[in-house]
Protein backbone atom coordinates (compact mmCIF):
# COMPACT_ATOMS: atom_id res chain seq x y z
CA MET A 1 0.00 0.00 0.00
CA GLY A 2 1.19 3.50 -0.83
CA LEU A 3 0.92 6.66 1.22
CA ASP A 4 -2.70 7.61 1.92
CA VAL A 5 -3.62 11.01 0.47
CA ALA A 6 -6.92 12.90 0.51
CA VAL A 7 -8.11 14.31 -2.82
CA LEU A 8 -10.42 17.32 -2.66
CA VAL A 9 -12.17 17.77 -6.02
CA SER A 10 -14.05 21.00 -6.74
CA ALA A 11 -17.06 19.90 -8.77
CA ALA A 12 -17.75 23.41 -10.06
CA ALA A 13 -14.16 24.47 -10.81
CA GLY A 14 -13.31 25.35 -14.38
CA ARG A 15 -16.97 24.84 -15.38
CA GLY A 16 -16.65 21.12 -14.64
CA ARG A 17 -13.01 20.72 -15.71
CA ALA A 18 -11.89 19.50 -12.28
CA ARG A 19 -14.56 16.80 -12.12
CA ALA A 20 -13.78 15.68 -15.67
CA ALA A 21 -10.07 15.43 -14.87
CA SER A 22 -10.47 13.70 -11.51
CA ALA A 23 -10.37 10.10 -12.80
CA MET A 24 -7.11 10.71 -14.65
CA VAL A 25 -5.67 12.55 -11.65
CA LEU A 26 -6.52 9.64 -9.34
CA GLU A 27 -4.89 7.19 -11.73
CA ALA A 28 -1.75 9.36 -11.93
CA LEU A 29 -1.56 9.41 -8.13
CA ARG A 30 -1.91 5.62 -7.99
CA ARG A 31 0.78 5.17 -10.63
CA GLY A 32 2.96 7.40 -8.47
CA GLY A 33 2.65 4.98 -5.58
CA LEU A 34 -0.06 6.78 -3.59
CA ALA A 35 -3.39 5.57 -2.20
CA PRO A 36 -5.88 8.38 -2.91
CA THR A 37 -9.25 8.84 -1.21
CA VAL A 38 -11.73 11.31 -2.71
CA LEU A 39 -13.33 13.81 -0.33
CA THR A 40 -16.99 14.53 -1.04
CA ALA A 41 -18.18 18.14 -0.73
CA THR A 42 -20.60 20.43 -2.54
CA THR A 43 -19.97 23.69 -0.66
CA ARG A 44 -16.91 25.53 0.60
CA ALA A 45 -17.84 24.78 4.21
CA GLU A 46 -18.21 21.07 3.45
CA ALA A 47 -14.88 21.07 1.61
CA GLU A 48 -13.13 22.69 4.57
CA ARG A 49 -14.66 20.20 7.01
CA ALA A 50 -13.77 17.23 4.81
CA ALA A 51 -10.17 18.38 4.41
CA ALA A 52 -9.85 19.05 8.15
CA GLY A 53 -11.18 15.57 8.87
CA ALA A 54 -8.63 14.02 6.53
CA VAL A 55 -5.78 15.90 8.20
CA ALA A 56 -7.01 14.90 11.66
CA ALA A 57 -7.16 11.26 10.51
CA GLY A 58 -3.49 11.37 9.52
CA SER A 59 -3.65 11.74 5.75
CA GLY A 60 -0.19 11.98 4.20
CA ALA A 61 -1.21 14.98 2.06
CA VAL A 62 -4.22 16.90 0.80
CA VAL A 63 -4.45 17.17 -2.99
CA ALA A 64 -6.64 20.08 -4.15
CA VAL A 65 -8.05 19.49 -7.65
CA GLY A 66 -9.63 22.67 -8.99
CA GLY A 67 -8.93 26.38 -8.90
CA ASP A 68 -7.90 28.75 -6.15
CA GLY A 69 -11.20 28.17 -4.34
CA ALA A 70 -10.38 24.48 -3.86
CA VAL A 71 -6.86 25.39 -2.74
CA HIS A 72 -8.30 27.94 -0.29
CA ALA A 73 -10.55 25.29 1.26
CA ALA A 74 -7.67 22.81 1.59
CA LEU A 75 -5.40 25.50 3.04
CA GLN A 76 -7.71 26.01 6.03
CA ALA A 77 -7.05 22.37 6.97
CA VAL A 78 -3.32 22.01 6.30
CA ALA A 79 -1.84 25.35 7.41
CA GLY A 80 0.31 24.90 10.47
CA THR A 81 -0.21 21.13 10.68
CA GLY A 82 2.79 19.87 8.72
CA THR A 83 0.51 18.03 6.29
CA PRO A 84 1.66 18.80 2.73
CA LEU A 85 -0.60 20.45 0.15
CA ALA A 86 -0.54 19.48 -3.52
CA VAL A 87 -2.16 21.78 -6.08
CA VAL A 88 -3.63 20.23 -9.24
CA PRO A 89 -4.81 23.17 -11.39
CA ALA A 90 -8.19 22.57 -13.00
CA GLY A 91 -10.10 25.79 -12.35
CA THR A 92 -10.79 29.15 -13.94
CA GLY A 93 -8.19 30.84 -11.75
CA ASN A 94 -5.09 28.83 -10.91
CA ASP A 95 -2.98 31.58 -9.39
CA LEU A 96 -1.25 29.61 -6.64
CA ALA A 97 -0.29 26.92 -9.15
CA LEU A 98 1.14 29.64 -11.39
CA ALA A 99 3.09 31.20 -8.52
CA LEU A 100 4.56 27.86 -7.45
CA GLY A 101 5.49 26.63 -10.91
CA VAL A 102 3.10 23.67 -10.79
CA PRO A 103 2.68 21.92 -14.17
CA PRO A 104 -0.44 23.42 -15.78
CA GLU A 105 -1.83 20.07 -16.98
CA PRO A 106 -3.69 18.18 -14.20
CA VAL A 107 -2.17 14.73 -14.79
CA ALA A 108 1.36 16.16 -14.92
CA ALA A 109 0.69 18.12 -11.72
CA ALA A 110 -0.54 14.98 -9.96
CA ALA A 111 2.51 13.03 -11.12
CA ALA A 112 4.83 15.79 -9.87
CA ALA A 113 3.12 15.78 -6.46
CA ALA A 114 3.42 12.00 -6.20
CA ALA A 115 7.12 12.14 -7.09
CA ASP A 116 7.79 14.78 -4.43
CA LEU A 117 5.93 12.79 -1.77
CA ARG A 118 7.90 9.65 -2.62
CA GLU A 119 11.17 11.53 -2.43
CA GLY A 120 10.31 13.71 0.56
CA ALA A 121 10.84 16.86 -1.52
CA VAL A 122 8.68 19.38 0.32
CA ARG A 123 8.84 23.19 0.07
CA THR A 124 8.09 25.25 3.15
CA LEU A 125 6.34 28.55 2.43
CA ASP A 126 4.54 31.41 4.15
CA ALA A 127 0.80 31.99 4.15
CA GLY A 128 -1.32 35.04 4.84
CA ARG A 129 -3.74 35.09 7.76
CA THR A 130 -6.70 37.36 8.38
CA GLY A 131 -8.54 36.54 11.57
CA ALA A 132 -9.00 32.78 11.61
CA ARG A 133 -8.77 32.50 7.82
CA TRP A 134 -5.66 31.50 5.90
CA TRP A 135 -4.91 32.57 2.35
CA ALA A 136 -2.09 31.76 -0.05
CA THR A 137 -2.14 34.30 -2.89
CA VAL A 138 -3.53 37.86 -2.67
CA LEU A 139 -5.97 39.68 -0.42
CA CYS A 140 -7.58 42.70 -2.10
CA CYS A 141 -10.15 45.42 -1.60
CA GLY A 142 -11.40 48.33 -3.65
CA PHE A 143 -12.38 48.25 -7.31
CA ASP A 144 -11.75 44.54 -7.84
CA SER A 145 -13.61 43.46 -4.71
CA ALA A 146 -16.53 45.72 -5.72
CA VAL A 147 -16.59 44.00 -9.12
CA THR A 148 -16.69 40.58 -7.46
CA ASP A 149 -19.43 41.70 -5.05
CA ARG A 150 -21.55 42.93 -7.96
CA ALA A 151 -20.87 39.85 -10.11
CA ASP A 152 -21.99 37.60 -7.25
CA ARG A 153 -25.29 39.51 -7.05
CA LEU A 154 -26.02 39.27 -10.78
CA ARG A 155 -28.48 36.63 -11.97
CA TRP A 156 -27.71 37.31 -15.63
CA PRO A 157 -25.59 36.67 -17.59
CA ARG A 158 -24.11 33.43 -16.32
CA GLY A 159 -20.45 32.43 -16.44
CA PRO A 160 -17.51 34.77 -17.04
CA ARG A 161 -19.72 37.33 -18.81
CA ARG A 162 -21.07 38.32 -15.40
CA TYR A 163 -17.68 39.85 -14.63
CA ASP A 164 -17.69 41.85 -17.87
CA VAL A 165 -21.06 43.35 -16.92
CA ALA A 166 -19.91 43.96 -13.34
CA ILE A 167 -16.72 45.72 -14.51
CA LEU A 168 -18.74 48.08 -16.72
CA ALA A 169 -21.15 48.85 -13.88
CA GLU A 170 -18.36 49.56 -11.38
CA LEU A 171 -16.42 51.67 -13.89
CA ALA A 172 -19.48 53.89 -14.22
CA ARG A 173 -19.37 54.62 -10.47
CA LEU A 174 -15.60 54.61 -10.07
CA ARG A 175 -14.31 56.89 -7.32
CA PRO A 176 -11.39 56.65 -4.89
CA ARG A 177 -12.21 55.47 -1.38
CA GLU A 178 -10.49 56.72 1.76
CA VAL A 179 -8.56 53.92 3.44
CA THR A 180 -6.24 53.91 6.43
CA LEU A 181 -3.33 51.64 5.59
CA THR A 182 -1.08 50.66 8.51
CA LEU A 183 2.20 48.93 7.64
CA ASP A 184 4.00 47.36 10.61
CA GLY A 185 2.39 49.89 12.94
CA GLU A 186 2.85 52.99 10.78
CA PRO A 187 -0.54 54.39 9.65
CA ARG A 188 -1.33 56.54 6.65
CA THR A 189 -4.74 57.61 5.35
CA LEU A 190 -5.04 57.97 1.60
CA PRO A 191 -7.52 57.80 -1.28
CA VAL A 192 -7.29 54.48 -3.13
CA THR A 193 -8.86 52.76 -6.10
CA LEU A 194 -7.43 49.35 -5.19
CA VAL A 195 -5.24 47.76 -2.52
CA ALA A 196 -3.72 44.31 -3.08
CA VAL A 197 -1.79 42.51 -0.34
CA GLY A 198 0.27 39.70 -1.82
CA ASN A 199 1.87 36.60 -0.36
CA THR A 200 2.42 35.58 -3.99
CA ALA A 201 2.37 37.66 -7.16
CA TRP A 202 -0.74 36.60 -9.07
CA TYR A 203 -4.49 36.94 -8.66
CA GLY A 204 -7.61 37.12 -10.81
CA GLY A 205 -6.56 34.35 -13.19
CA GLY A 206 -3.04 35.42 -14.14
CA MET A 207 -2.77 39.10 -13.20
CA ARG A 208 0.62 39.83 -11.61
CA VAL A 209 -0.64 42.46 -9.21
CA CYS A 210 2.22 42.14 -6.66
CA PRO A 211 5.00 41.28 -9.11
CA ASP A 212 7.86 40.89 -6.61
CA ALA A 213 5.97 39.05 -3.87
CA ASP A 214 7.96 36.12 -2.46
CA PRO A 215 6.07 33.49 -0.41
CA ALA A 216 9.22 32.59 1.52
CA ASP A 217 10.44 36.01 2.74
CA GLY A 218 8.16 36.45 5.76
CA LEU A 219 6.65 39.62 4.28
CA LEU A 220 3.59 40.76 2.35
CA ASP A 221 3.89 42.97 -0.73
CA VAL A 222 1.30 45.75 -0.91
CA THR A 223 0.27 47.32 -4.21
CA VAL A 224 -1.77 50.51 -3.86
CA VAL A 225 -3.54 52.10 -6.83
CA GLY A 226 -4.38 55.68 -5.93
CA PRO A 227 -6.89 57.99 -7.64
CA ILE A 228 -7.06 57.19 -11.34
CA THR A 229 -9.44 58.04 -14.17
CA ARG A 230 -11.65 55.45 -15.83
CA ARG A 231 -9.64 55.74 -19.03
CA GLU A 232 -6.31 55.28 -17.24
CA LEU A 233 -7.64 52.30 -15.27
CA VAL A 234 -8.83 50.58 -18.44
CA ARG A 235 -5.51 51.34 -20.17
CA THR A 236 -3.41 50.19 -17.22
CA ARG A 237 -5.31 47.00 -16.39
CA PRO A 238 -3.79 44.90 -19.25
CA ARG A 239 -0.32 45.72 -17.86
CA LEU A 240 -1.20 43.63 -14.80
CA THR A 241 -0.38 40.48 -16.75
CA ALA A 242 3.29 41.47 -17.00
CA GLY A 243 3.40 43.34 -13.70
CA THR A 244 4.43 46.59 -15.38
CA HIS A 245 1.46 48.49 -13.89
CA VAL A 246 3.73 49.32 -10.93
CA GLU A 247 5.50 51.83 -13.18
CA HIS A 248 2.33 53.96 -13.41
CA PRO A 249 2.55 57.15 -11.29
CA ALA A 250 -0.74 56.32 -9.53
CA VAL A 251 0.69 53.02 -8.24
CA SER A 252 2.89 52.58 -5.18
CA VAL A 253 4.41 49.40 -3.75
CA HIS A 254 5.17 48.64 -0.10
CA ARG A 255 6.30 45.68 2.01
CA ALA A 256 5.41 44.70 5.58
CA ALA A 257 4.81 41.70 7.84
CA ARG A 258 1.54 43.17 9.22
CA VAL A 259 -0.91 45.12 7.09
CA GLU A 260 -4.00 46.76 8.58
CA LEU A 261 -6.76 48.14 6.37
CA ALA A 262 -9.62 50.32 7.63
CA GLY A 263 -12.34 52.10 5.69
CA ALA A 264 -16.08 52.22 5.16
CA GLY A 265 -18.07 50.02 2.81
CA LEU A 266 -15.27 47.80 1.50
CA THR A 267 -15.05 44.00 1.47
CA THR A 268 -11.86 41.96 1.22
CA TYR A 269 -11.35 38.88 -0.92
CA ALA A 270 -8.42 36.47 -0.74
CA ASP A 271 -7.72 33.57 -3.12
CA GLY A 272 -10.85 34.84 -4.89
CA GLU A 273 -13.01 34.05 -1.83
CA PRO A 274 -14.81 36.55 0.45
CA VAL A 275 -12.97 37.11 3.74
CA ALA A 276 -14.32 40.09 5.73
CA ALA A 277 -15.39 43.71 5.56
CA LEU A 278 -12.88 46.34 6.65
CA PRO A 279 -11.26 46.79 9.11
CA VAL A 280 -8.97 43.78 8.72
CA LEU A 281 -5.48 42.74 9.76
CA ALA A 282 -3.41 40.71 7.29
CA GLU A 283 -0.30 38.97 8.60
CA ALA A 284 2.45 36.99 6.93
CA VAL A 285 2.97 33.75 8.86
CA PRO A 286 6.37 32.30 7.95
CA GLY A 287 6.86 28.63 7.16
CA VAL A 288 3.30 27.56 7.93
CA LEU A 289 2.59 25.89 4.56
CA ARG A 290 4.27 22.78 3.14
CA VAL A 291 3.74 22.11 -0.58
CA VAL A 292 4.61 19.32 -3.01
CA GLY A 293 4.50 19.19 -6.79
CA SER A 294 5.81 22.72 -7.32
CA ALA A 295 8.96 23.83 -9.10
CA ARG A 296 11.97 23.18 -6.92
CA THR A 297 13.97 26.31 -6.18
């Protein structure tokens, strides 16, 4: 018998891509010498409970098959326990997989995770924490969180087009919001369009919002977009893919271990999932996450 691993499959991820890939992923894990058990869940809360139960039962690893939402659910169970996390990208947004250099094809990602578990090749990384919730990629508030809030309220259209409609609606009411940003105890109050707090560089399905974020340095990178016109925001947004938006005069970049955000009427999202309304405290927690199947550096 191989090492027992728990496999958390997000049924909705990638519009069914994770579920479709799950049989091949399980076979790749078995070929790699592992004994996988599928965790059944239909909601985020169920996924978190199932993953926590697997960790408590002594599973050798939790394998998250899906997008950043599946990873976020698994992270709540594994952070700080020593149980490794494997990311098998099969969602719409696969930002942690991108940041870690995980093979983009699900079967290859599963094979890489199995190889690392066999060889004991585990990377130790930081994670972000806000209250009792862990996150691995980026916590944000402002324009992007307002777009997500609106998209979640829309009943039509379905799928990714909801976000196109939500972006247009939020652009029409774009205005800077006053936020108090406190970095390692030093407060400043300023008008912002967007604040992104990054443990890793990418969010939103491949946007490099915190381009120099390093998940092993014990710090969070903070990208602040100040007041900006609608036209400039639309023109600058494509530069997020390469990370060159930080060269825009409205953008500033900071670094801290503790980041506090306070302001009225703003919600934070992390790993694409809702976290809390402001005020919030985001902390970098060093070495709390162990991962397998990523690029070895």
